[in-house]
PDB file of N, CA and C in Angstrom:
ATOM      1  N   MET A   1       0.850  -1.164   0.000  1.00  0.00           N
ATOM      2  CA  MET A   1       0.000   0.000   0.000  1.00  0.00           C
ATOM      3  C   MET A   1       0.898   1.230   0.000  1.00  0.00           C
ATOM      4  N   LEU A   2       0.515   2.227  -0.756  1.00  0.00           N
ATOM      5  CA  LEU A   2       1.281   3.471  -0.836  1.00  0.00           C
ATOM      6  C   LEU A   2       0.582   4.553  -0.038  1.00  0.00           C
ATOM      7  N   ASP A   3       1.365   5.425   0.538  1.00  0.00           N
ATOM      8  CA  ASP A   3       0.833   6.533   1.319  1.00  0.00           C
ATOM      9  C   ASP A   3       1.618   7.784   0.961  1.00  0.00           C
ATOM     10  N   LEU A   4       0.941   8.862   0.682  1.00  0.00           N
ATOM     11  CA  LEU A   4       1.609  10.118   0.363  1.00  0.00           C
ATOM     12  C   LEU A   4       2.013  10.826   1.651  1.00  0.00           C
ATOM     13  N   ASP A   5       3.198  11.420   1.647  1.00  0.00           N
ATOM     14  CA  ASP A   5       3.669  12.169   2.813  1.00  0.00           C
ATOM     15  C   ASP A   5       3.154  13.604   2.756  1.00  0.00           C
ATOM     16  N   HIS A   6       2.617  14.067   3.841  1.00  0.00           N
ATOM     17  CA  HIS A   6       2.219  15.460   4.068  1.00  0.00           C
ATOM     18  C   HIS A   6       1.223  16.025   3.049  1.00  0.00           C
ATOM     19  N   PRO A   7       0.189  15.281   2.668  1.00  0.00           N
ATOM     20  CA  PRO A   7      -0.758  15.828   1.690  1.00  0.00           C
ATOM     21  C   PRO A   7      -1.548  17.023   2.229  1.00  0.00           C
ATOM     22  N   GLN A   8      -1.808  17.074   3.530  1.00  0.00           N
ATOM     23  CA  GLN A   8      -2.605  18.173   4.075  1.00  0.00           C
ATOM     24  C   GLN A   8      -1.873  19.507   3.965  1.00  0.00           C
ATOM     25  N   GLY A   9      -0.565  19.501   4.190  1.00  0.00           N
ATOM     26  CA  GLY A   9       0.211  20.734   4.047  1.00  0.00           C
ATOM     27  C   GLY A   9       0.178  21.259   2.629  1.00  0.00           C
ATOM     28  N   PHE A  10       0.286  20.358   1.662  1.00  0.00           N
ATOM     29  CA  PHE A  10       0.198  20.741   0.256  1.00  0.00           C
ATOM     30  C   PHE A  10      -1.190  21.293  -0.043  1.00  0.00           C
ATOM     31  N   HIS A  11      -2.214  20.588   0.442  1.00  0.00           N
ATOM     32  CA  HIS A  11      -3.600  21.012   0.242  1.00  0.00           C
ATOM     33  C   HIS A  11      -3.831  22.392   0.850  1.00  0.00           C
ATOM     34  N   ASP A  12      -3.334  22.617   2.053  1.00  0.00           N
ATOM     35  CA  ASP A  12      -3.506  23.910   2.713  1.00  0.00           C
ATOM     36  C   ASP A  12      -2.798  25.033   1.960  1.00  0.00           C
ATOM     37  N   ALA A  13      -1.634  24.735   1.400  1.00  0.00           N
ATOM     38  CA  ALA A  13      -0.855  25.753   0.702  1.00  0.00           C
ATOM     39  C   ALA A  13      -1.417  26.084  -0.681  1.00  0.00           C
ATOM     40  N   PHE A  14      -1.919  25.076  -1.405  1.00  0.00           N
ATOM     41  CA  PHE A  14      -2.298  25.285  -2.802  1.00  0.00           C
ATOM     42  C   PHE A  14      -3.772  25.052  -3.100  1.00  0.00           C
ATOM     43  N   GLY A  15      -4.499  24.449  -2.180  1.00  0.00           N
ATOM     44  CA  GLY A  15      -5.930  24.250  -2.374  1.00  0.00           C
ATOM     45  C   GLY A  15      -6.288  22.896  -2.947  1.00  0.00           C
ATOM     46  N   ARG A  16      -7.596  22.664  -2.959  1.00  0.00           N
ATOM     47  CA  ARG A  16      -8.112  21.357  -3.370  1.00  0.00           C
ATOM     48  C   ARG A  16      -7.854  21.047  -4.839  1.00  0.00           C
ATOM     49  N   GLU A  17      -8.030  22.032  -5.701  1.00  0.00           N
ATOM     50  CA  GLU A  17      -7.832  21.770  -7.130  1.00  0.00           C
ATOM     51  C   GLU A  17      -6.404  21.338  -7.420  1.00  0.00           C
ATOM     52  N   ALA A  18      -5.436  21.958  -6.765  1.00  0.00           N
ATOM     53  CA  ALA A  18      -4.034  21.574  -6.963  1.00  0.00           C
ATOM     54  C   ALA A  18      -3.789  20.180  -6.399  1.00  0.00           C
ATOM     55  N   SER A  19      -4.338  19.892  -5.229  1.00  0.00           N
ATOM     56  CA  SER A  19      -4.192  18.561  -4.643  1.00  0.00           C
ATOM     57  C   SER A  19      -4.797  17.511  -5.557  1.00  0.00           C
ATOM     58  N   ASP A  20      -5.952  17.805  -6.115  1.00  0.00           N
ATOM     59  CA  ASP A  20      -6.596  16.871  -7.045  1.00  0.00           C
ATOM     60  C   ASP A  20      -5.744  16.653  -8.292  1.00  0.00           C
ATOM     61  N   ALA A  21      -5.088  17.717  -8.776  1.00  0.00           N
ATOM     62  CA  ALA A  21      -4.222  17.589  -9.953  1.00  0.00           C
ATOM     63  C   ALA A  21      -3.063  16.636  -9.660  1.00  0.00           C
ATOM     64  N   VAL A  22      -2.481  16.754  -8.476  1.00  0.00           N
ATOM     65  CA  VAL A  22      -1.384  15.864  -8.087  1.00  0.00           C
ATOM     66  C   VAL A  22      -1.880  14.426  -7.999  1.00  0.00           C
ATOM     67  N   LEU A  23      -3.033  14.215  -7.367  1.00  0.00           N
ATOM     68  CA  LEU A  23      -3.579  12.860  -7.239  1.00  0.00           C
ATOM     69  C   LEU A  23      -3.923  12.256  -8.597  1.00  0.00           C
ATOM     70  N   ARG A  24      -4.447  13.077  -9.515  1.00  0.00           N
ATOM     71  CA  ARG A  24      -4.747  12.579 -10.862  1.00  0.00           C
ATOM     72  C   ARG A  24      -3.464  12.144 -11.578  1.00  0.00           C
ATOM     73  N   GLU A  25      -2.430  12.971 -11.475  1.00  0.00           N
ATOM     74  CA  GLU A  25      -1.165  12.643 -12.135  1.00  0.00           C
ATOM     75  C   GLU A  25      -0.554  11.378 -11.535  1.00  0.00           C
ATOM     76  N   LEU A  26      -0.594  11.274 -10.223  1.00  0.00           N
ATOM     77  CA  LEU A  26      -0.096  10.080  -9.550  1.00  0.00           C
ATOM     78  C   LEU A  26      -0.919   8.857  -9.958  1.00  0.00           C
ATOM     79  N   SER A  27      -2.230   9.018 -10.040  1.00  0.00           N
ATOM     80  CA  SER A  27      -3.099   7.911 -10.447  1.00  0.00           C
ATOM     81  C   SER A  27      -2.774   7.438 -11.857  1.00  0.00           C
ATOM     82  N   MET A  28      -2.559   8.378 -12.760  1.00  0.00           N
ATOM     83  CA  MET A  28      -2.220   7.997 -14.140  1.00  0.00           C
ATOM     84  C   MET A  28      -0.889   7.252 -14.170  1.00  0.00           C
ATOM     85  N   PHE A  29       0.079   7.744 -13.399  1.00  0.00           N
ATOM     86  CA  PHE A  29       1.377   7.074 -13.345  1.00  0.00           C
ATOM     87  C   PHE A  29       1.221   5.648 -12.821  1.00  0.00           C
ATOM     88  N   LEU A  30       0.486   5.493 -11.731  1.00  0.00           N
ATOM     89  CA  LEU A  30       0.309   4.166 -11.146  1.00  0.00           C
ATOM     90  C   LEU A  30      -0.503   3.255 -12.051  1.00  0.00           C
ATOM     91  N   GLN A  31      -1.491   3.813 -12.729  1.00  0.00           N
ATOM     92  CA  GLN A  31      -2.295   3.002 -13.641  1.00  0.00           C
ATOM     93  C   GLN A  31      -1.418   2.454 -14.766  1.00  0.00           C
ATOM     94  N   GLU A  32      -0.482   3.251 -15.215  1.00  0.00           N
ATOM     95  CA  GLU A  32       0.414   2.812 -16.281  1.00  0.00           C
ATOM     96  C   GLU A  32       1.498   1.862 -15.769  1.00  0.00           C
ATOM     97  N   ASN A  33       1.789   1.917 -14.466  1.00  0.00           N
ATOM     98  CA  ASN A  33       2.915   1.170 -13.932  1.00  0.00           C
ATOM     99  C   ASN A  33       2.560   0.151 -12.860  1.00  0.00           C
ATOM    100  N   SER A  34       1.311   0.075 -12.471  1.00  0.00           N
ATOM    101  CA  SER A  34       0.899  -0.888 -11.448  1.00  0.00           C
ATOM    102  C   SER A  34      -0.614  -1.002 -11.443  1.00  0.00           C
ATOM    103  N   ARG A  35      -1.113  -1.910 -10.659  1.00  0.00           N
ATOM    104  CA  ARG A  35      -2.558  -2.025 -10.465  1.00  0.00           C
ATOM    105  C   ARG A  35      -2.941  -1.175  -9.270  1.00  0.00           C
ATOM    106  N   TYR A  36      -4.171  -0.705  -9.235  1.00  0.00           N
ATOM    107  CA  TYR A  36      -4.634   0.088  -8.100  1.00  0.00           C
ATOM    108  C   TYR A  36      -6.090  -0.226  -7.845  1.00  0.00           C
ATOM    109  N   GLY A  37      -6.580   0.243  -6.726  1.00  0.00           N
ATOM    110  CA  GLY A  37      -7.987   0.023  -6.409  1.00  0.00           C
ATOM    111  C   GLY A  37      -8.429   0.878  -5.246  1.00  0.00           C
ATOM    112  N   GLY A  38      -9.720   1.150  -5.191  1.00  0.00           N
ATOM    113  CA  GLY A  38     -10.282   1.926  -4.090  1.00  0.00           C
ATOM    114  C   GLY A  38      -9.729   3.329  -4.053  1.00  0.00           C
ATOM    115  N   ASP A  39      -9.690   3.903  -2.852  1.00  0.00           N
ATOM    116  CA  ASP A  39      -9.137   5.248  -2.725  1.00  0.00           C
ATOM    117  C   ASP A  39      -7.680   5.207  -2.277  1.00  0.00           C
ATOM    118  N   GLY A  40      -7.116   4.021  -2.228  1.00  0.00           N
ATOM    119  CA  GLY A  40      -5.700   3.848  -1.961  1.00  0.00           C
ATOM    120  C   GLY A  40      -5.069   3.173  -3.159  1.00  0.00           C
ATOM    121  N   PHE A  41      -3.809   3.010  -3.103  1.00  0.00           N
ATOM    122  CA  PHE A  41      -3.089   2.374  -4.188  1.00  0.00           C
ATOM    123  C   PHE A  41      -2.408   1.130  -3.638  1.00  0.00           C
ATOM    124  N   MET A  42      -2.509   0.053  -4.355  1.00  0.00           N
ATOM    125  CA  MET A  42      -1.901  -1.190  -3.911  1.00  0.00           C
ATOM    126  C   MET A  42      -1.190  -1.835  -5.081  1.00  0.00           C
ATOM    127  N   LEU A  43      -0.021  -2.352  -4.817  1.00  0.00           N
ATOM    128  CA  LEU A  43       0.722  -3.075  -5.832  1.00  0.00           C
ATOM    129  C   LEU A  43       0.407  -4.550  -5.687  1.00  0.00           C
ATOM    130  N   ILE A  44       0.049  -5.165  -6.775  1.00  0.00           N
ATOM    131  CA  ILE A  44      -0.249  -6.589  -6.785  1.00  0.00           C
ATOM    132  C   ILE A  44       0.933  -7.294  -7.449  1.00  0.00           C
ATOM    133  N   LEU A  45       1.643  -8.075  -6.676  1.00  0.00           N
ATOM    134  CA  LEU A  45       2.788  -8.816  -7.201  1.00  0.00           C
ATOM    135  C   LEU A  45       2.559 -10.294  -6.895  1.00  0.00           C
ATOM    136  N   PRO A  46       1.690 -10.934  -7.684  1.00  0.00           N
ATOM    137  CA  PRO A  46       1.336 -12.329  -7.386  1.00  0.00           C
ATOM    138  C   PRO A  46       2.567 -13.229  -7.399  1.00  0.00           C
ATOM    139  N   GLU A  47       2.616 -14.089  -6.418  1.00  0.00           N
ATOM    140  CA  GLU A  47       3.663 -15.086  -6.291  1.00  0.00           C
ATOM    141  C   GLU A  47       5.065 -14.502  -6.170  1.00  0.00           C
ATOM    142  N   ALA A  48       5.166 -13.235  -5.825  1.00  0.00           N
ATOM    143  CA  ALA A  48       6.480 -12.608  -5.647  1.00  0.00           C
ATOM    144  C   ALA A  48       6.942 -12.811  -4.213  1.00  0.00           C
ATOM    145  N   SER A  49       8.203 -13.098  -4.068  1.00  0.00           N
ATOM    146  CA  SER A  49       8.766 -13.218  -2.723  1.00  0.00           C
ATOM    147  C   SER A  49       9.066 -11.825  -2.189  1.00  0.00           C
ATOM    148  N   LEU A  50       9.205 -11.711  -0.894  1.00  0.00           N
ATOM    149  CA  LEU A  50       9.529 -10.430  -0.275  1.00  0.00           C
ATOM    150  C   LEU A  50      10.842  -9.891  -0.829  1.00  0.00           C
ATOM    151  N   ASP A  51      11.808 -10.769  -1.042  1.00  0.00           N
ATOM    152  CA  ASP A  51      13.106 -10.346  -1.577  1.00  0.00           C
ATOM    153  C   ASP A  51      13.004  -9.780  -2.986  1.00  0.00           C
ATOM    154  N   SER A  52      12.074 -10.285  -3.784  1.00  0.00           N
ATOM    155  CA  SER A  52      11.982  -9.853  -5.181  1.00  0.00           C
ATOM    156  C   SER A  52      11.146  -8.580  -5.374  1.00  0.00           C
ATOM    157  N   THR A  53      10.527  -8.070  -4.333  1.00  0.00           N
ATOM    158  CA  THR A  53       9.682  -6.879  -4.486  1.00  0.00           C
ATOM    159  C   THR A  53      10.447  -5.567  -4.339  1.00  0.00           C
ATOM    160  N   GLY A  54      11.657  -5.625  -3.849  1.00  0.00           N
ATOM    161  CA  GLY A  54      12.429  -4.401  -3.627  1.00  0.00           C
ATOM    162  C   GLY A  54      12.679  -3.605  -4.889  1.00  0.00           C
ATOM    163  N   GLN A  55      13.103  -4.266  -5.957  1.00  0.00           N
ATOM    164  CA  GLN A  55      13.423  -3.550  -7.192  1.00  0.00           C
ATOM    165  C   GLN A  55      12.193  -2.907  -7.831  1.00  0.00           C
ATOM    166  N   PRO A  56      11.063  -3.617  -7.991  1.00  0.00           N
ATOM    167  CA  PRO A  56       9.881  -2.945  -8.541  1.00  0.00           C
ATOM    168  C   PRO A  56       9.413  -1.772  -7.667  1.00  0.00           C
ATOM    169  N   ALA A  57       9.481  -1.937  -6.366  1.00  0.00           N
ATOM    170  CA  ALA A  57       9.073  -0.843  -5.472  1.00  0.00           C
ATOM    171  C   ALA A  57       9.994   0.360  -5.640  1.00  0.00           C
ATOM    172  N   GLU A  58      11.282   0.121  -5.770  1.00  0.00           N
ATOM    173  CA  GLU A  58      12.238   1.214  -5.963  1.00  0.00           C
ATOM    174  C   GLU A  58      12.019   1.904  -7.302  1.00  0.00           C
ATOM    175  N   GLN A  59      11.690   1.138  -8.341  1.00  0.00           N
ATOM    176  CA  GLN A  59      11.419   1.741  -9.645  1.00  0.00           C
ATOM    177  C   GLN A  59      10.194   2.652  -9.579  1.00  0.00           C
ATOM    178  N   LEU A  60       9.145   2.207  -8.885  1.00  0.00           N
ATOM    179  CA  LEU A  60       7.965   3.056  -8.716  1.00  0.00           C
ATOM    180  C   LEU A  60       8.288   4.299  -7.906  1.00  0.00           C
ATOM    181  N   ARG A  61       9.054   4.132  -6.820  1.00  0.00           N
ATOM    182  CA  ARG A  61       9.424   5.285  -5.988  1.00  0.00           C
ATOM    183  C   ARG A  61      10.188   6.314  -6.814  1.00  0.00           C
ATOM    184  N   GLU A  62      11.131   5.854  -7.627  1.00  0.00           N
ATOM    185  CA  GLU A  62      11.902   6.770  -8.469  1.00  0.00           C
ATOM    186  C   GLU A  62      11.005   7.455  -9.502  1.00  0.00           C
ATOM    187  N   GLY A  63      10.095   6.691 -10.100  1.00  0.00           N
ATOM    188  CA  GLY A  63       9.174   7.287 -11.077  1.00  0.00           C
ATOM    189  C   GLY A  63       8.298   8.349 -10.450  1.00  0.00           C
ATOM    190  N   ILE A  64       7.780   8.073  -9.256  1.00  0.00           N
ATOM    191  CA  ILE A  64       6.942   9.052  -8.556  1.00  0.00           C
ATOM    192  C   ILE A  64       7.766  10.264  -8.159  1.00  0.00           C
ATOM    193  N   LYS A  65       8.991  10.037  -7.752  1.00  0.00           N
ATOM    194  CA  LYS A  65       9.890  11.131  -7.362  1.00  0.00           C
ATOM    195  C   LYS A  65      10.088  12.114  -8.524  1.00  0.00           C
ATOM    196  N   HIS A  66      10.075  11.600  -9.744  1.00  0.00           N
ATOM    197  CA  HIS A  66      10.319  12.439 -10.922  1.00  0.00           C
ATOM    198  C   HIS A  66       9.045  12.864 -11.648  1.00  0.00           C
ATOM    199  N   LEU A  67       7.899  12.666 -11.016  1.00  0.00           N
ATOM    200  CA  LEU A  67       6.647  13.122 -11.629  1.00  0.00           C
ATOM    201  C   LEU A  67       6.657  14.634 -11.779  1.00  0.00           C
ATOM    202  N   ARG A  68       6.107  15.095 -12.874  1.00  0.00           N
ATOM    203  CA  ARG A  68       5.940  16.538 -13.103  1.00  0.00           C
ATOM    204  C   ARG A  68       4.450  16.802 -13.157  1.00  0.00           C
ATOM    205  N   VAL A  69       3.982  17.735 -12.357  1.00  0.00           N
ATOM    206  CA  VAL A  69       2.564  18.072 -12.313  1.00  0.00           C
ATOM    207  C   VAL A  69       2.411  19.537 -12.688  1.00  0.00           C
ATOM    208  N   GLN A  70       1.671  19.790 -13.756  1.00  0.00           N
ATOM    209  CA  GLN A  70       1.376  21.154 -14.202  1.00  0.00           C
ATOM    210  C   GLN A  70      -0.050  21.485 -13.794  1.00  0.00           C
ATOM    211  N   TRP A  71      -0.226  22.574 -13.105  1.00  0.00           N
ATOM    212  CA  TRP A  71      -1.554  23.034 -12.717  1.00  0.00           C
ATOM    213  C   TRP A  71      -1.521  24.552 -12.685  1.00  0.00           C
ATOM    214  N   ARG A  72      -2.357  25.150 -13.519  1.00  0.00           N
ATOM    215  CA  ARG A  72      -2.363  26.608 -13.684  1.00  0.00           C
ATOM    216  C   ARG A  72      -0.941  27.091 -13.929  1.00  0.00           C
ATOM    217  N   GLN A  73      -0.463  28.045 -13.156  1.00  0.00           N
ATOM    218  CA  GLN A  73       0.878  28.571 -13.389  1.00  0.00           C
ATOM    219  C   GLN A  73       1.958  27.787 -12.652  1.00  0.00           C
ATOM    220  N   TYR A  74       1.577  26.767 -11.919  1.00  0.00           N
ATOM    221  CA  TYR A  74       2.532  26.000 -11.121  1.00  0.00           C
ATOM    222  C   TYR A  74       3.038  24.782 -11.874  1.00  0.00           C
ATOM    223  N   LEU A  75       4.265  24.422 -11.611  1.00  0.00           N
ATOM    224  CA  LEU A  75       4.835  23.173 -12.094  1.00  0.00           C
ATOM    225  C   LEU A  75       5.583  22.553 -10.926  1.00  0.00           C
ATOM    226  N   TRP A  76       5.137  21.372 -10.497  1.00  0.00           N
ATOM    227  CA  TRP A  76       5.819  20.672  -9.402  1.00  0.00           C
ATOM    228  C   TRP A  76       6.629  19.536  -9.967  1.00  0.00           C
ATOM    229  N   GLU A  77       7.864  19.444  -9.542  1.00  0.00           N
ATOM    230  CA  GLU A  77       8.741  18.349  -9.981  1.00  0.00           C
ATOM    231  C   GLU A  77       9.320  17.682  -8.767  1.00  0.00           C
TER     232      GLU A  77
END
């Protein structure tokens, strides 16, 4: 399960529309790179051992780290 760090601070600083833009961009990234469901995100790695999940998780973390979100005049990288 994935959890975003400090979403309320971002929401307070930029508002709901900006927060929604970030969540949409993250959702699109995860949809292209993993399975998801509900209002949380979950990676489904059937028959994967705990040892073998580190690399896919790191690849997703790096991809999310480099997400670019454009909303109005703002660009978050």
